[in-house]
Amino acid sequence: MKDEERCRLLYGPYEPPLVKRGFLVDAVRGKVRFGTFTNALIPWPKFKRRGKGGSGGIVLCGDLIRALEKEAIPAIAHHWGVSRATVGNWRRALELRGRTPGAQRLVSLGVELSRLPESRKKIGDAARGRVLSARHKSRFHGAMRRGWRERFEARRAEYRRTGRFPKASKSDPWIPEEEKLLPELPTAELVGVLGRPFNGIQAHRISLGIRARPPVVQQPWKEREIKLLGTASDSALARRLGRSVSSVQHRRRSLGIRSASTRWWTAEEEAIIGKVSDAEAARRLGRSMKAVGQRRRALGMAFFRVENRRQWTAAEEALLGTDTDARIAKQLGRSPLSVAIKRRERGIRPRTKVRPWTREEMAVLGTMSDREVARKLHRTVLAVRCKRLLSRIPPGTHRRWTRSEEKLLGKMRDEEVARKLGRVVGAVRVRRGHLRIPIFQSKVRRWEESELGLLGRVPDREVARLTGRPVASVRHARSERRIPSVHPVAPDWRSEEEALLGTGPDPDIAARLNRTVNAVAHRRVIKRIPVWRPG
């Protein structure tokens, strides 16, 4: 295949974004500062690196994302002036998997070229005499087993040397010391103990037929745990036993065990209840008023009432209404509530701090904003707004929008429109949103009704391919509308694939069959095929 055929773009043209300075929105990094353009066949902007100077990587935006979704990797690498590994990293960052239409075209073209007579002859001459013998096959499989054995011995030696399990991935072999802990601890605790991922531990449990142990909260109470109830506070026991406080309280109360923090009522304390008020008894005994009231009602005592309470004199009643209740109560040594009750009994109106409005102050309302009026008259903004609304005076800053002003919305930035019209930026944004006018030079692409109809009917990756959007954008739009996702149907197992089960470690079989480790382990358990052991 010729280079120009391999590097040809099929879904172009691709134009770089029009930018000289400012910021761009990267699909992975977010908002970045523009630096310079690359010197490639398709010049593309690079973001400005933080620090003294220079530029960073290429900005993933615009037509570059569309090319990553449709074109082949050699074509993108050739026209954008980067390596194929970089293009692969871009696709992984954007969660783009599977073959693109451009890559599928190269594969189909390669298959057609391989079927030509001259190509078949060339392939046959190269493969002739290179038959893999039984000895080579045994050496190949022996090398695989030796590699697995070396990793197995290295992990076991590391555990015996340090006494800790080294951090492992899904493909790393399991040592017997790790498998002994599977029936003893829950999966969530094994993640921190073994240093393995949660899904890897679950898959190995399934492969060995070991049932996961429930967490401590779901386990039955043991004798040694029941003996500890009542010896300390419920919160301290909950932290010690790894259970919730409500679980400890429920178990202790069901067994009739009193908490260690319970304070018993004595005869001396009960003798005080009913002789004084609940507030005074709580102050003397160092308890809460609620506890004193509950104990008083449990003993069948009535609420304490002062028989020889302090009587009101004529001089004290003459002070009612002359000042606020709080100041009068402080002056007379009484509570504000007793002063208010006595004032209501005499039919005296309260004295408030309300300042009446004058004609000069009323004339200021509506001439400026409520905040400026409040600052000028030394009143609160709420008082000014309430008085203006009661007087039916329009606000001073209210200005109706004209058609000529509305035509400027969306034609320039909101800050420039506000500066030109003499309005605040918030008012401009609210008016533009009310008229449903998009932001000036916004790169946000609105969802159409035909595109929204695809959400929840096909997988997110298929929707992203059909609409030309990133997978993350499709997933975000679906979650906002609370539409359930549709998962792709896994392909059925063929007899050739099932024949490979148990011939090697599950991670290696999963990599060869392009399936997940959990799927391989689950299928092997269904077929009752034992786990593969070295040697």
Protein backbone atom coordinates (compact mmCIF):
# COMPACT_ATOMS: atom_id res chain seq x y z
CA MET A 1 0.00 0.00 0.00
CA LYS A 2 1.36 3.44 -0.93
CA ASP A 3 1.95 6.12 1.69
CA GLU A 4 -0.39 8.62 0.04
CA GLU A 5 -3.19 6.07 0.19
CA ARG A 6 -2.48 5.25 3.82
CA CYS A 7 -2.32 8.94 4.86
CA ARG A 8 -5.29 10.22 2.88
CA LEU A 9 -8.08 12.06 4.76
CA LEU A 10 -11.58 10.86 3.86
CA TYR A 11 -13.91 13.17 5.76
CA GLY A 12 -12.18 16.52 5.35
CA PRO A 13 -11.57 19.34 4.98
CA TYR A 14 -10.40 20.13 8.52
CA GLU A 15 -9.93 23.79 9.41
CA PRO A 16 -8.13 25.09 12.52
CA PRO A 17 -10.08 27.39 14.87
CA LEU A 18 -9.80 31.12 14.19
CA VAL A 19 -7.89 32.45 17.18
CA LYS A 20 -5.06 34.95 17.66
CA ARG A 21 -5.02 35.29 21.41
CA GLY A 22 -7.16 34.44 24.41
CA PHE A 23 -8.46 31.11 25.62
CA LEU A 24 -9.62 27.86 24.03
CA VAL A 25 -11.63 24.97 25.47
CA ASP A 26 -9.73 21.69 25.43
CA ALA A 27 -11.87 18.51 25.52
CA VAL A 28 -9.60 16.99 28.21
CA ARG A 29 -7.85 19.87 30.02
CA GLY A 30 -10.73 22.38 29.96
CA LYS A 31 -10.06 26.09 29.50
CA VAL A 32 -6.47 26.74 28.33
CA ARG A 33 -4.57 29.82 27.15
CA PHE A 34 -3.64 29.96 23.47
CA GLY A 35 0.09 29.86 22.74
CA THR A 36 1.00 29.37 19.07
CA PHE A 37 0.28 27.25 15.98
CA THR A 38 2.11 24.08 14.95
CA ASN A 39 4.20 23.90 11.77
CA ALA A 40 2.35 20.97 10.17
CA LEU A 41 0.28 20.29 7.06
CA ILE A 42 -2.75 21.33 9.08
CA PRO A 43 -1.54 24.04 11.49
CA TRP A 44 -3.21 23.62 14.86
CA PRO A 45 -3.19 25.77 18.02
CA LYS A 46 -1.08 24.76 21.02
CA PHE A 47 -1.89 25.86 24.56
CA LYS A 48 0.47 28.07 26.51
CA ARG A 49 2.56 26.24 29.09
CA ARG A 50 2.51 27.51 32.65
CA GLY A 51 5.74 29.12 33.67
CA LYS A 52 8.19 31.47 32.02
CA GLY A 53 7.20 30.77 28.42
CA GLY A 54 6.84 28.29 25.62
CA SER A 55 3.88 26.24 24.44
CA GLY A 56 2.44 22.95 25.59
CA GLY A 57 0.59 20.28 23.68
CA ILE A 58 -1.97 20.52 20.93
CA VAL A 59 -5.45 21.69 21.93
CA LEU A 60 -8.08 18.95 21.42
CA CYS A 61 -10.96 20.94 19.98
CA GLY A 62 -12.93 21.58 16.82
CA ASP A 63 -12.29 19.50 13.71
CA LEU A 64 -9.46 17.57 15.41
CA ILE A 65 -12.01 15.72 17.58
CA ARG A 66 -14.08 14.96 14.47
CA ALA A 67 -10.98 13.59 12.74
CA LEU A 68 -10.15 11.40 15.75
CA GLU A 69 -13.63 9.89 15.56
CA LYS A 70 -13.56 9.13 11.81
CA GLU A 71 -10.06 9.14 10.31
CA ALA A 72 -7.33 6.54 10.53
CA ILE A 73 -4.41 7.02 12.92
CA PRO A 74 -1.68 7.22 10.17
CA ALA A 75 -3.61 9.95 8.37
CA ILE A 76 -4.04 12.06 11.52
CA ALA A 77 -0.40 11.59 12.51
CA HIS A 78 0.78 12.66 9.02
CA HIS A 79 -1.37 15.81 8.65
CA TRP A 80 -1.12 17.05 12.25
CA GLY A 81 2.63 16.35 12.54
CA VAL A 82 2.58 14.02 15.56
CA SER A 83 3.43 10.38 16.21
CA ARG A 84 0.94 7.53 16.03
CA ALA A 85 1.40 6.91 19.74
CA THR A 86 0.27 10.48 20.45
CA VAL A 87 -2.86 9.97 18.36
CA GLY A 88 -3.56 6.79 20.31
CA ASN A 89 -3.18 8.70 23.59
CA TRP A 90 -5.66 11.32 22.32
CA ARG A 91 -8.22 8.64 21.48
CA ARG A 92 -7.85 7.00 24.88
CA ALA A 93 -8.25 10.36 26.65
CA LEU A 94 -11.48 10.97 24.71
CA GLU A 95 -12.65 7.39 25.41
CA LEU A 96 -12.79 6.55 21.70
CA ARG A 97 -12.53 2.81 21.17
CA GLY A 98 -12.98 0.52 18.23
CA ARG A 99 -12.07 1.10 14.63
CA THR A 100 -12.93 4.35 12.94
CA PRO A 101 -14.35 4.40 9.38
CA GLY A 102 -10.94 5.45 8.08
CA ALA A 103 -9.16 2.60 9.91
CA GLN A 104 -11.78 0.11 8.70
CA ARG A 105 -11.16 1.30 5.16
CA LEU A 106 -7.42 0.62 5.51
CA VAL A 107 -8.15 -2.86 6.86
CA SER A 108 -10.56 -3.64 4.01
CA LEU A 109 -8.11 -2.27 1.48
CA GLY A 110 -5.32 -4.38 2.97
CA VAL A 111 -7.51 -7.50 2.77
CA GLU A 112 -8.31 -6.80 -0.87
CA LEU A 113 -4.64 -6.24 -1.69
CA SER A 114 -3.67 -9.46 0.07
CA ARG A 115 -6.05 -11.39 -2.21
CA LEU A 116 -4.22 -10.33 -5.38
CA PRO A 117 -2.14 -13.09 -7.03
CA GLU A 118 1.14 -11.23 -6.64
CA SER A 119 0.39 -10.50 -2.99
CA ARG A 120 -0.55 -14.11 -2.26
CA LYS A 121 2.66 -15.28 -3.91
CA LYS A 122 4.74 -12.83 -1.86
CA ILE A 123 3.06 -13.87 1.41
CA GLY A 124 3.47 -17.54 0.57
CA ASP A 125 7.18 -17.17 -0.22
CA ALA A 126 7.77 -15.33 3.07
CA ALA A 127 5.89 -17.91 5.13
CA ARG A 128 7.26 -20.96 3.35
CA GLY A 129 9.70 -22.88 5.55
CA ARG A 130 8.63 -21.14 8.75
CA VAL A 131 6.32 -23.82 10.14
CA LEU A 132 6.26 -23.83 13.94
CA SER A 133 7.32 -27.27 15.11
CA ALA A 134 6.22 -29.07 18.26
CA ARG A 135 9.54 -28.24 19.86
CA HIS A 136 9.11 -24.54 19.13
CA LYS A 137 5.58 -24.69 20.44
CA SER A 138 6.73 -26.30 23.68
CA ARG A 139 9.49 -23.70 24.05
CA PHE A 140 7.00 -20.91 23.41
CA HIS A 141 4.54 -22.19 26.03
CA GLY A 142 7.43 -22.95 28.41
CA ALA A 143 8.61 -19.34 28.14
CA MET A 144 5.09 -18.17 28.99
CA ARG A 145 4.97 -20.48 32.03
CA ARG A 146 8.46 -19.41 33.14
CA GLY A 147 7.44 -15.76 32.95
CA TRP A 148 4.37 -16.48 35.05
CA ARG A 149 6.46 -18.54 37.48
CA GLU A 150 9.06 -15.77 37.81
CA ARG A 151 6.37 -13.23 38.68
CA PHE A 152 4.81 -15.72 41.09
CA GLU A 153 8.12 -16.37 42.89
CA ALA A 154 8.98 -12.66 42.97
CA ARG A 155 5.66 -11.77 44.60
CA ARG A 156 5.96 -14.58 47.13
CA ALA A 157 9.55 -13.64 48.00
CA GLU A 158 8.52 -9.99 48.45
CA TYR A 159 5.73 -11.04 50.84
CA ARG A 160 8.04 -13.28 52.88
CA ARG A 161 10.70 -10.59 53.08
CA THR A 162 8.48 -7.65 54.11
CA GLY A 163 5.43 -9.40 55.53
CA ARG A 164 3.17 -7.26 53.32
CA PHE A 165 1.38 -8.04 50.09
CA PRO A 166 2.90 -6.09 47.17
CA LYS A 167 0.55 -4.01 45.07
CA ALA A 168 -0.71 -6.03 42.09
CA SER A 169 -2.82 -5.62 38.98
CA LYS A 170 -5.40 -7.99 37.51
CA SER A 171 -2.79 -9.91 35.48
CA ASP A 172 -0.38 -10.54 38.37
CA PRO A 173 -0.53 -14.13 39.73
CA TRP A 174 -2.12 -14.92 43.06
CA ILE A 175 0.01 -16.46 45.81
CA PRO A 176 -1.41 -18.99 48.31
CA GLU A 177 -1.12 -16.50 51.19
CA GLU A 178 -3.51 -14.15 49.36
CA GLU A 179 -6.02 -16.89 48.56
CA LYS A 180 -6.18 -17.90 52.24
CA LEU A 181 -7.62 -14.47 53.11
CA LEU A 182 -10.48 -14.64 50.60
CA PRO A 183 -12.94 -16.52 52.89
CA GLU A 184 -11.86 -14.61 56.01
CA LEU A 185 -12.36 -10.92 55.12
CA PRO A 186 -14.95 -8.94 53.12
CA THR A 187 -13.99 -7.78 49.66
CA ALA A 188 -13.92 -4.09 50.65
CA GLU A 189 -11.34 -4.82 53.38
CA LEU A 190 -9.27 -7.05 51.09
CA VAL A 191 -8.74 -4.14 48.70
CA GLY A 192 -6.63 -2.34 51.33
CA VAL A 193 -4.97 -5.50 52.64
CA LEU A 194 -3.95 -7.12 49.34
CA GLY A 195 -3.48 -3.99 47.26
CA ARG A 196 -5.57 -5.43 44.44
CA PRO A 197 -8.55 -3.86 42.62
CA PHE A 198 -12.07 -4.68 43.78
CA ASN A 199 -13.13 -6.30 40.49
CA GLY A 200 -10.00 -8.47 40.42
CA ILE A 201 -10.73 -9.85 43.89
CA GLN A 202 -14.35 -10.52 42.99
CA ALA A 203 -13.34 -12.32 39.78
CA HIS A 204 -10.86 -14.54 41.64
CA ARG A 205 -13.52 -15.38 44.22
CA ILE A 206 -15.85 -16.51 41.42
CA SER A 207 -13.09 -18.55 39.77
CA LEU A 208 -12.34 -20.41 43.04
CA GLY A 209 -16.00 -20.71 44.04
CA ILE A 210 -15.44 -18.83 47.34
CA ARG A 211 -18.39 -16.87 48.72
CA ALA A 212 -17.62 -13.34 49.85
CA ARG A 213 -17.79 -12.78 53.58
CA PRO A 214 -20.33 -10.11 54.59
CA PRO A 215 -19.08 -6.89 56.24
CA VAL A 216 -18.93 -6.56 60.01
CA VAL A 217 -22.24 -4.69 60.18
CA GLN A 218 -24.09 -7.66 58.64
CA GLN A 219 -22.34 -10.33 60.69
CA PRO A 220 -24.05 -11.82 63.77
CA TRP A 221 -22.99 -10.63 67.20
CA LYS A 222 -20.33 -12.69 68.96
CA GLU A 223 -20.08 -13.46 72.66
CA ARG A 224 -16.98 -11.34 73.16
CA GLU A 225 -18.74 -8.36 71.51
CA ILE A 226 -21.86 -8.77 73.68
CA LYS A 227 -19.70 -8.79 76.83
CA LEU A 228 -18.34 -5.36 75.91
CA LEU A 229 -21.81 -3.74 75.81
CA GLY A 230 -22.26 -1.31 78.68
CA THR A 231 -18.55 -1.14 79.53
CA ALA A 232 -18.04 2.05 77.52
CA SER A 233 -20.07 4.60 75.59
CA ASP A 234 -21.96 3.45 72.48
CA SER A 235 -19.88 5.66 70.16
CA ALA A 236 -16.58 4.29 71.55
CA LEU A 237 -17.79 0.69 71.20
CA ALA A 238 -19.01 1.38 67.66
CA ARG A 239 -15.55 2.59 66.63
CA ARG A 240 -13.89 -0.38 68.36
CA LEU A 241 -16.17 -3.05 66.86
CA GLY A 242 -16.48 -1.49 63.40
CA ARG A 243 -20.27 -1.16 63.72
CA SER A 244 -22.66 1.77 63.61
CA VAL A 245 -23.76 3.60 66.77
CA SER A 246 -27.42 2.77 66.10
CA SER A 247 -26.56 -0.95 65.79
CA VAL A 248 -24.76 -0.92 69.17
CA GLN A 249 -27.63 0.98 70.82
CA HIS A 250 -30.27 -1.38 69.42
CA ARG A 251 -28.38 -4.49 70.55
CA ARG A 252 -27.73 -3.09 74.04
CA ARG A 253 -31.36 -2.07 74.57
CA SER A 254 -32.69 -5.41 73.25
CA LEU A 255 -30.56 -7.20 75.90
CA GLY A 256 -31.62 -4.78 78.66
CA ILE A 257 -28.07 -3.49 79.22
CA ARG A 258 -27.72 0.12 80.41
CA SER A 259 -25.16 2.40 78.85
CA ALA A 260 -22.01 3.30 80.80
CA SER A 261 -22.79 6.99 80.31
CA THR A 262 -26.22 6.67 82.02
CA ARG A 263 -26.52 8.90 85.11
CA TRP A 264 -28.91 7.54 87.73
CA TRP A 265 -31.27 9.73 89.70
CA THR A 266 -30.62 9.80 93.45
CA ALA A 267 -33.10 10.46 96.27
CA GLU A 268 -31.43 13.80 97.02
CA GLU A 269 -31.86 14.92 93.39
CA GLU A 270 -35.49 13.81 93.23
CA ALA A 271 -36.19 15.76 96.44
CA ILE A 272 -35.26 19.01 94.65
CA ILE A 273 -37.63 18.38 91.70
CA GLY A 274 -40.99 20.10 92.23
CA LYS A 275 -39.66 22.40 94.94
CA VAL A 276 -38.19 24.84 92.44
CA SER A 277 -38.72 25.50 88.73
CA ASP A 278 -37.35 23.10 86.12
CA ALA A 279 -34.78 25.67 85.00
CA GLU A 280 -33.52 26.17 88.57
CA ALA A 281 -33.43 22.41 89.23
CA ALA A 282 -31.50 21.85 85.99
CA ARG A 283 -28.99 24.54 87.02
CA ARG A 284 -28.49 23.02 90.51
CA LEU A 285 -28.23 19.39 89.36
CA GLY A 286 -26.18 19.99 86.22
CA ARG A 287 -28.79 18.38 83.97
CA SER A 288 -30.85 19.57 81.04
CA MET A 289 -34.35 21.02 81.44
CA LYS A 290 -35.68 18.24 79.23
CA ALA A 291 -34.26 15.55 81.55
CA VAL A 292 -35.66 17.32 84.64
CA GLY A 293 -39.10 17.64 83.04
CA GLN A 294 -39.18 13.98 82.00
CA ARG A 295 -38.22 12.85 85.54
CA ARG A 296 -40.82 15.16 87.12
CA ARG A 297 -43.59 13.75 84.93
CA ALA A 298 -42.38 10.17 85.63
CA LEU A 299 -42.73 10.87 89.39
CA GLY A 300 -46.24 12.31 88.87
CA MET A 301 -45.32 15.83 90.07
CA ALA A 302 -47.09 18.95 88.85
CA PHE A 303 -45.31 21.90 87.28
CA PHE A 304 -43.79 24.18 89.91
CA ARG A 305 -45.58 27.52 90.35
CA VAL A 306 -44.26 30.36 92.47
CA GLU A 307 -46.85 31.31 95.11
CA ASN A 308 -44.99 34.27 96.52
CA ARG A 309 -44.00 35.71 93.20
CA ARG A 310 -42.96 39.32 92.93
CA GLN A 311 -45.90 41.67 92.61
CA TRP A 312 -46.01 44.62 90.21
CA THR A 313 -46.00 48.07 91.82
CA ALA A 314 -47.63 51.21 90.45
CA ALA A 315 -44.24 52.75 89.74
CA GLU A 316 -43.19 49.70 87.70
CA GLU A 317 -46.44 49.66 85.72
CA ALA A 318 -45.98 53.34 84.92
CA LEU A 319 -42.79 52.47 83.02
CA LEU A 320 -44.58 50.08 80.62
CA GLY A 321 -44.57 51.41 77.06
CA THR A 322 -42.07 54.18 77.75
CA ASP A 323 -39.23 52.14 76.29
CA THR A 324 -38.63 48.75 74.70
CA ASP A 325 -39.52 45.64 76.73
CA ALA A 326 -35.89 44.53 76.86
CA ARG A 327 -34.67 47.80 78.36
CA ILE A 328 -37.52 47.95 80.88
CA ALA A 329 -36.88 44.32 81.93
CA LYS A 330 -33.20 45.11 82.46
CA GLN A 331 -34.09 48.19 84.49
CA LEU A 332 -36.61 46.36 86.72
CA GLY A 333 -34.67 43.10 87.03
CA ARG A 334 -37.41 41.07 85.34
CA SER A 335 -37.53 38.93 82.20
CA PRO A 336 -38.62 40.51 78.88
CA LEU A 337 -41.43 37.94 78.63
CA SER A 338 -42.97 38.97 82.01
CA VAL A 339 -42.78 42.65 80.97
CA ALA A 340 -44.49 41.90 77.65
CA ILE A 341 -47.26 39.85 79.35
CA LYS A 342 -47.95 42.63 81.86
CA ARG A 343 -47.98 45.28 79.13
CA ARG A 344 -50.54 43.29 77.09
CA GLU A 345 -52.73 42.89 80.21
CA ARG A 346 -52.83 46.70 80.61
CA GLY A 347 -53.49 47.22 76.88
CA ILE A 348 -50.35 49.30 76.33
CA ARG A 349 -48.81 49.34 72.86
CA PRO A 350 -45.11 48.42 72.66
CA ARG A 351 -42.43 51.00 72.12
CA THR A 352 -40.44 50.16 68.99
CA LYS A 353 -37.42 51.62 67.27
CA VAL A 354 -39.36 52.38 64.06
CA ARG A 355 -38.50 55.82 62.66
CA PRO A 356 -41.38 57.50 60.80
CA TRP A 357 -40.90 58.55 57.17
CA THR A 358 -40.75 62.29 56.45
CA ARG A 359 -41.80 64.11 53.28
CA GLU A 360 -38.18 64.82 52.38
CA GLU A 361 -37.32 61.10 52.63
CA MET A 362 -40.38 60.09 50.57
CA ALA A 363 -39.27 62.48 47.83
CA VAL A 364 -35.95 60.63 47.49
CA LEU A 365 -37.61 57.25 46.75
CA GLY A 366 -37.39 56.28 43.08
CA THR A 367 -34.76 58.90 42.20
CA MET A 368 -31.91 56.38 42.62
CA SER A 369 -31.41 52.73 43.47
CA ASP A 370 -32.74 51.33 46.75
CA ARG A 371 -29.22 50.65 47.96
CA GLU A 372 -28.14 54.26 47.37
CA VAL A 373 -31.32 55.58 49.04
CA ALA A 374 -30.70 53.35 52.08
CA ARG A 375 -27.12 54.58 52.32
CA LYS A 376 -28.24 58.22 52.04
CA LEU A 377 -31.13 58.01 54.53
CA HIS A 378 -29.30 55.68 56.97
CA ARG A 379 -31.99 52.99 56.65
CA THR A 380 -31.93 49.34 55.63
CA VAL A 381 -32.39 48.31 52.02
CA LEU A 382 -35.38 46.15 53.01
CA ALA A 383 -37.10 49.10 54.70
CA VAL A 384 -36.55 51.31 51.63
CA ARG A 385 -37.84 48.63 49.24
CA CYS A 386 -40.93 47.92 51.35
CA LYS A 387 -41.81 51.62 51.67
CA ARG A 388 -41.34 52.14 47.92
CA LEU A 389 -43.55 49.18 47.06
CA LEU A 390 -46.28 50.29 49.49
CA SER A 391 -46.16 53.78 47.97
CA ARG A 392 -46.27 52.28 44.41
CA ILE A 393 -43.12 54.12 43.36
CA PRO A 394 -41.16 52.47 40.49
CA PRO A 395 -37.47 51.72 41.15
CA GLY A 396 -34.97 54.29 40.07
CA THR A 397 -32.71 51.92 38.10
CA HIS A 398 -35.54 50.19 36.16
CA ARG A 399 -35.15 50.75 32.41
CA ARG A 400 -37.13 48.89 29.77
CA TRP A 401 -35.30 47.16 26.95
CA THR A 402 -35.72 48.60 23.47
CA ARG A 403 -35.53 46.67 20.20
CA SER A 404 -32.28 48.37 19.24
CA GLU A 405 -30.71 47.28 22.55
CA GLU A 406 -31.94 43.71 22.18
CA LYS A 407 -30.39 43.50 18.70
CA LEU A 408 -26.94 43.92 20.28
CA LEU A 409 -27.36 40.81 22.44
CA GLY A 410 -25.29 37.91 21.14
CA LYS A 411 -23.42 40.15 18.66
CA MET A 412 -20.61 40.87 21.13
CA ARG A 413 -19.55 39.86 24.63
CA ASP A 414 -21.95 40.56 27.51
CA GLU A 415 -19.37 42.85 29.17
CA GLU A 416 -19.11 45.00 26.03
CA VAL A 417 -22.90 45.20 25.66
CA ALA A 418 -23.26 46.26 29.31
CA ARG A 419 -20.55 48.90 28.90
CA LYS A 420 -22.13 50.22 25.70
CA LEU A 421 -25.70 50.36 27.04
CA GLY A 422 -24.80 51.50 30.55
CA ARG A 423 -26.30 48.41 32.22
CA VAL A 424 -24.94 45.83 34.62
CA VAL A 425 -23.56 42.56 33.23
CA GLY A 426 -26.08 40.48 35.20
CA ALA A 427 -29.02 42.32 33.59
CA VAL A 428 -27.56 41.71 30.11
CA ARG A 429 -27.11 38.00 30.80
CA VAL A 430 -30.64 37.64 32.20
CA ARG A 431 -32.18 39.41 29.18
CA ARG A 432 -30.14 37.32 26.71
CA GLY A 433 -31.16 34.10 28.49
CA HIS A 434 -34.82 35.22 28.54
CA LEU A 435 -34.71 35.75 24.75
CA ARG A 436 -32.78 32.45 24.29
CA ILE A 437 -29.93 34.12 22.47
CA PRO A 438 -26.68 32.07 22.52
CA ILE A 439 -23.43 33.46 23.90
CA PHE A 440 -21.25 35.37 21.47
CA GLN A 441 -18.78 33.03 19.70
CA SER A 442 -19.94 30.13 21.85
CA LYS A 443 -18.60 26.71 20.84
CA VAL A 444 -21.38 24.91 22.66
CA ARG A 445 -23.46 22.96 20.17
CA ARG A 446 -27.11 22.73 21.15
CA TRP A 447 -28.88 19.39 21.11
CA GLU A 448 -31.55 18.98 18.45
CA GLU A 449 -34.78 17.04 18.87
CA SER A 450 -33.63 14.32 16.45
CA GLU A 451 -30.41 13.89 18.46
CA LEU A 452 -32.25 13.76 21.80
CA GLY A 453 -34.44 10.98 20.41
CA LEU A 454 -31.37 8.71 20.15
CA LEU A 455 -30.54 8.95 23.88
CA GLY A 456 -31.40 5.75 25.73
CA ARG A 457 -32.22 3.79 22.55
CA VAL A 458 -28.69 2.91 21.46
CA PRO A 459 -25.40 2.82 23.43
CA ASP A 460 -23.66 6.13 24.19
CA ARG A 461 -20.76 5.38 21.85
CA GLU A 462 -23.13 4.77 18.96
CA VAL A 463 -24.94 8.04 19.72
CA ALA A 464 -21.59 9.85 19.81
CA ARG A 465 -20.65 8.35 16.43
CA LEU A 466 -23.97 9.27 14.82
CA THR A 467 -24.11 12.83 16.19
CA GLY A 468 -20.38 13.60 15.95
CA ARG A 469 -20.09 14.45 19.66
CA PRO A 470 -17.74 13.21 22.41
CA VAL A 471 -18.91 10.27 24.50
CA ALA A 472 -18.66 12.37 27.67
CA SER A 473 -21.04 14.97 26.20
CA VAL A 474 -23.57 12.26 25.29
CA ARG A 475 -23.34 10.71 28.77
CA HIS A 476 -23.82 14.14 30.41
CA ALA A 477 -26.89 14.97 28.29
CA ARG A 478 -28.46 11.58 29.05
CA SER A 479 -27.85 11.84 32.83
CA GLU A 480 -29.35 15.38 32.92
CA ARG A 481 -32.59 14.06 31.42
CA ARG A 482 -32.51 10.96 33.65
CA ILE A 483 -32.57 8.58 30.71
CA PRO A 484 -31.24 5.07 31.49
CA SER A 485 -28.24 3.88 29.52
CA VAL A 486 -28.24 1.01 27.05
CA HIS A 487 -25.31 -1.37 27.31
CA PRO A 488 -24.01 -3.18 24.21
CA VAL A 489 -24.89 -6.87 24.03
CA ALA A 490 -21.86 -9.10 24.63
CA PRO A 491 -21.11 -11.52 21.77
CA ASP A 492 -21.93 -15.19 22.27
CA TRP A 493 -19.19 -17.65 23.14
CA ARG A 494 -17.90 -19.81 20.31
CA SER A 495 -16.64 -23.34 20.73
CA GLU A 496 -13.10 -22.25 19.76
CA GLU A 497 -13.10 -19.66 22.56
CA GLU A 498 -14.46 -22.09 25.15
CA ALA A 499 -11.72 -24.56 24.23
CA LEU A 500 -9.10 -22.04 25.47
CA LEU A 501 -10.64 -21.76 28.95
CA GLY A 502 -8.43 -23.29 31.64
CA THR A 503 -5.37 -23.52 29.38
CA GLY A 504 -3.74 -20.52 31.02
CA PRO A 505 -4.34 -17.67 33.47
CA ASP A 506 -7.67 -15.89 33.05
CA PRO A 507 -6.05 -12.47 32.34
CA ASP A 508 -4.03 -13.94 29.48
CA ILE A 509 -7.08 -15.72 28.04
CA ALA A 510 -9.10 -12.48 28.33
CA ALA A 511 -6.39 -10.55 26.45
CA ARG A 512 -6.32 -13.16 23.66
CA LEU A 513 -10.12 -13.23 23.28
CA ASN A 514 -10.57 -9.46 23.72
CA ARG A 515 -12.95 -10.01 26.67
CA THR A 516 -12.96 -8.95 30.31
CA VAL A 517 -11.42 -11.10 33.04
CA ASN A 518 -14.76 -11.33 34.84
CA ALA A 519 -16.46 -12.62 31.69
CA VAL A 520 -13.77 -15.30 31.21
CA ALA A 521 -13.93 -16.39 34.87
CA HIS A 522 -17.73 -16.48 34.84
CA ARG A 523 -17.83 -18.59 31.66
CA ARG A 524 -15.23 -20.99 33.06
CA VAL A 525 -17.23 -21.47 36.27
CA ILE A 526 -20.41 -22.14 34.25
CA LYS A 527 -18.58 -24.78 32.19
CA ARG A 528 -17.09 -26.23 35.42
CA ILE A 529 -13.54 -25.85 34.17
CA PRO A 530 -10.98 -25.69 37.03
CA VAL A 531 -8.66 -22.73 37.38
CA TRP A 532 -5.32 -23.07 35.65
CA ARG A 533 -2.36 -23.85 37.90
CA PRO A 534 1.29 -23.61 36.84
CA GLY A 535 3.28 -26.83 36.55
